[in-house]
């Protein structure tokens, strides 16, 4: 993506902090292609090991690895990604509540 997408990441971190499932789902439905691309890139970095998780966090994400792989795959279209985000909003929220602080720390270090 080039330069760090701090504004998009700030919006994503705000969305995943929202407690109301209905509000979170409606905000996930309005994400742009850039946001979906950012989500895919973050998950790709997670799978490749660029974002390092501790053992406990890896265990928490292990049962969601199929969803993570589908969302991170470049061949997956934006409509499919959006549908998956809307179908599994609580799972995606769990994943990103673990990952987003690590991404912020990574961006601060670069």
C-alpha atoms as a PDB file:
ATOM      1  CA  UNK A   1       0.000   0.000   0.000  1.00  0.00           C
ATOM      2  CA  UNK A   2       2.960   2.331   0.179  1.00  0.00           C
ATOM      3  CA  UNK A   3       2.763   4.762   3.082  1.00  0.00           C
ATOM      4  CA  UNK A   4       1.127   3.632   6.339  1.00  0.00           C
ATOM      5  CA  UNK A   5      -2.661   4.066   6.148  1.00  0.00           C
ATOM      6  CA  UNK A   6      -3.108   5.617   9.588  1.00  0.00           C
ATOM      7  CA  UNK A   7      -6.520   7.207   8.926  1.00  0.00           C
ATOM      8  CA  UNK A   8      -8.029   3.948   7.665  1.00  0.00           C
ATOM      9  CA  UNK A   9      -6.531   2.063  10.587  1.00  0.00           C
ATOM     10  CA  UNK A  10      -7.940   4.626  13.019  1.00  0.00           C
ATOM     11  CA  UNK A  11     -11.427   4.094  11.578  1.00  0.00           C
ATOM     12  CA  UNK A  12     -11.078   0.310  11.774  1.00  0.00           C
ATOM     13  CA  UNK A  13      -9.888   0.445  15.371  1.00  0.00           C
ATOM     14  CA  UNK A  14     -12.872   2.661  16.215  1.00  0.00           C
ATOM     15  CA  UNK A  15     -15.302   0.252  14.529  1.00  0.00           C
ATOM     16  CA  UNK A  16     -13.956  -2.764  16.383  1.00  0.00           C
ATOM     17  CA  UNK A  17     -14.237  -0.984  19.747  1.00  0.00           C
ATOM     18  CA  UNK A  18     -17.986  -0.433  19.352  1.00  0.00           C
ATOM     19  CA  UNK A  19     -19.988  -2.630  21.712  1.00  0.00           C
ATOM     20  CA  UNK A  20     -23.306  -2.587  19.843  1.00  0.00           C
ATOM     21  CA  UNK A  21     -23.381  -5.396  17.297  1.00  0.00           C
ATOM     22  CA  UNK A  22     -26.028  -3.648  15.202  1.00  0.00           C
ATOM     23  CA  UNK A  23     -23.991  -0.437  14.953  1.00  0.00           C
ATOM     24  CA  UNK A  24     -20.771  -2.332  14.250  1.00  0.00           C
ATOM     25  CA  UNK A  25     -22.464  -4.368  11.519  1.00  0.00           C
ATOM     26  CA  UNK A  26     -23.866  -1.243   9.841  1.00  0.00           C
ATOM     27  CA  UNK A  27     -20.425   0.405   9.911  1.00  0.00           C
ATOM     28  CA  UNK A  28     -18.780  -2.729   8.518  1.00  0.00           C
ATOM     29  CA  UNK A  29     -21.296  -2.635   5.674  1.00  0.00           C
ATOM     30  CA  UNK A  30     -20.132   0.849   4.673  1.00  0.00           C
ATOM     31  CA  UNK A  31     -16.391   0.084   4.478  1.00  0.00           C
ATOM     32  CA  UNK A  32     -14.680   1.157   1.279  1.00  0.00           C
ATOM     33  CA  UNK A  33     -12.459  -0.997  -0.922  1.00  0.00           C
ATOM     34  CA  UNK A  34      -9.403   0.618   0.674  1.00  0.00           C
ATOM     35  CA  UNK A  35     -10.537  -0.505   4.115  1.00  0.00           C
ATOM     36  CA  UNK A  36     -11.187  -4.038   2.884  1.00  0.00           C
ATOM     37  CA  UNK A  37      -7.778  -4.035   1.214  1.00  0.00           C
ATOM     38  CA  UNK A  38      -6.206  -2.873   4.484  1.00  0.00           C
ATOM     39  CA  UNK A  39      -7.943  -5.675   6.389  1.00  0.00           C
ATOM     40  CA  UNK A  40      -6.600  -8.198   3.866  1.00  0.00           C
ATOM     41  CA  UNK A  41      -3.094  -6.746   4.124  1.00  0.00           C
ATOM     42  CA  UNK A  42      -3.121  -6.854   7.926  1.00  0.00           C
ATOM     43  CA  UNK A  43      -4.243 -10.490   7.879  1.00  0.00           C
ATOM     44  CA  UNK A  44      -1.651 -11.351   5.222  1.00  0.00           C
ATOM     45  CA  UNK A  45       1.052  -9.816   7.433  1.00  0.00           C
ATOM     46  CA  UNK A  46      -0.304 -11.824  10.340  1.00  0.00           C
ATOM     47  CA  UNK A  47      -0.096 -15.070   8.368  1.00  0.00           C
ATOM     48  CA  UNK A  48       3.375 -14.305   7.012  1.00  0.00           C
ATOM     49  CA  UNK A  49       4.751 -13.558  10.479  1.00  0.00           C
ATOM     50  CA  UNK A  50       5.366  -9.829  10.041  1.00  0.00           C
ATOM     51  CA  UNK A  51       2.945  -9.204  12.902  1.00  0.00           C
ATOM     52  CA  UNK A  52       4.192 -11.366  15.745  1.00  0.00           C
ATOM     53  CA  UNK A  53       1.679 -12.806  18.192  1.00  0.00           C
ATOM     54  CA  UNK A  54       2.421 -14.459  21.487  1.00  0.00           C
ATOM     55  CA  UNK A  55       1.487 -18.099  22.020  1.00  0.00           C
ATOM     56  CA  UNK A  56      -1.775 -17.375  23.848  1.00  0.00           C
ATOM     57  CA  UNK A  57      -3.045 -15.062  21.112  1.00  0.00           C
ATOM     58  CA  UNK A  58      -2.122 -17.605  18.435  1.00  0.00           C
ATOM     59  CA  UNK A  59      -4.187 -20.217  20.247  1.00  0.00           C
ATOM     60  CA  UNK A  60      -7.156 -17.840  20.365  1.00  0.00           C
ATOM     61  CA  UNK A  61      -6.963 -17.268  16.597  1.00  0.00           C
ATOM     62  CA  UNK A  62      -6.295 -20.889  15.655  1.00  0.00           C
ATOM     63  CA  UNK A  63      -9.980 -21.836  15.438  1.00  0.00           C
ATOM     64  CA  UNK A  64     -10.608 -18.936  13.030  1.00  0.00           C
ATOM     65  CA  UNK A  65      -7.748 -19.675  10.630  1.00  0.00           C
ATOM     66  CA  UNK A  66     -10.007 -20.561   7.696  1.00  0.00           C
ATOM     67  CA  UNK A  67     -11.785 -17.191   7.919  1.00  0.00           C
ATOM     68  CA  UNK A  68      -8.434 -15.396   8.267  1.00  0.00           C
ATOM     69  CA  UNK A  69      -7.069 -17.145   5.188  1.00  0.00           C
ATOM     70  CA  UNK A  70     -10.149 -16.376   3.080  1.00  0.00           C
ATOM     71  CA  UNK A  71     -10.161 -12.705   4.104  1.00  0.00           C
ATOM     72  CA  UNK A  72      -6.432 -12.341   3.446  1.00  0.00           C
ATOM     73  CA  UNK A  73      -6.493 -14.041   0.040  1.00  0.00           C
ATOM     74  CA  UNK A  74      -6.025 -11.582  -2.827  1.00  0.00           C
ATOM     75  CA  UNK A  75      -8.267 -13.674  -5.057  1.00  0.00           C
ATOM     76  CA  UNK A  76     -11.206 -13.136  -2.711  1.00  0.00           C
ATOM     77  CA  UNK A  77     -13.396 -10.353  -4.070  1.00  0.00           C
ATOM     78  CA  UNK A  78     -14.498  -7.305  -2.147  1.00  0.00           C
ATOM     79  CA  UNK A  79     -18.144  -8.379  -2.113  1.00  0.00           C
ATOM     80  CA  UNK A  80     -17.214 -11.729  -0.590  1.00  0.00           C
ATOM     81  CA  UNK A  81     -15.004 -10.060   2.008  1.00  0.00           C
ATOM     82  CA  UNK A  82     -17.791  -7.669   2.941  1.00  0.00           C
ATOM     83  CA  UNK A  83     -20.282 -10.551   3.220  1.00  0.00           C
ATOM     84  CA  UNK A  84     -17.907 -12.475   5.487  1.00  0.00           C
ATOM     85  CA  UNK A  85     -17.369  -9.436   7.691  1.00  0.00           C
ATOM     86  CA  UNK A  86     -21.133  -9.045   8.011  1.00  0.00           C
ATOM     87  CA  UNK A  87     -21.749 -12.756   8.543  1.00  0.00           C
ATOM     88  CA  UNK A  88     -19.143 -13.143  11.296  1.00  0.00           C
ATOM     89  CA  UNK A  89     -18.896  -9.708  12.960  1.00  0.00           C
ATOM     90  CA  UNK A  90     -18.132 -11.042  16.438  1.00  0.00           C
ATOM     91  CA  UNK A  91     -15.360 -13.332  15.183  1.00  0.00           C
ATOM     92  CA  UNK A  92     -13.811 -10.553  13.105  1.00  0.00           C
ATOM     93  CA  UNK A  93     -14.024  -8.238  16.103  1.00  0.00           C
ATOM     94  CA  UNK A  94     -12.206 -10.774  18.296  1.00  0.00           C
ATOM     95  CA  UNK A  95      -9.487 -11.103  15.681  1.00  0.00           C
ATOM     96  CA  UNK A  96      -8.983  -7.379  15.238  1.00  0.00           C
ATOM     97  CA  UNK A  97      -9.121  -6.529  18.927  1.00  0.00           C
ATOM     98  CA  UNK A  98      -6.005  -8.689  19.235  1.00  0.00           C
ATOM     99  CA  UNK A  99      -4.264  -7.474  16.090  1.00  0.00           C
ATOM    100  CA  UNK A 100      -4.886  -3.714  15.833  1.00  0.00           C
ATOM    101  CA  UNK A 101      -2.794  -2.729  18.891  1.00  0.00           C
ATOM    102  CA  UNK A 102       0.095  -4.726  17.413  1.00  0.00           C
ATOM    103  CA  UNK A 103      -0.319  -2.950  14.071  1.00  0.00           C
ATOM    104  CA  UNK A 104      -0.272   0.449  15.806  1.00  0.00           C
ATOM    105  CA  UNK A 105       2.922  -0.566  17.614  1.00  0.00           C
ATOM    106  CA  UNK A 106       4.433  -1.720  14.314  1.00  0.00           C
ATOM    107  CA  UNK A 107       3.538   1.585  12.616  1.00  0.00           C
ATOM    108  CA  UNK A 108       4.979   3.568  15.532  1.00  0.00           C
ATOM    109  CA  UNK A 109       8.256   1.685  15.216  1.00  0.00           C
ATOM    110  CA  UNK A 110       8.579   2.436  11.488  1.00  0.00           C
END
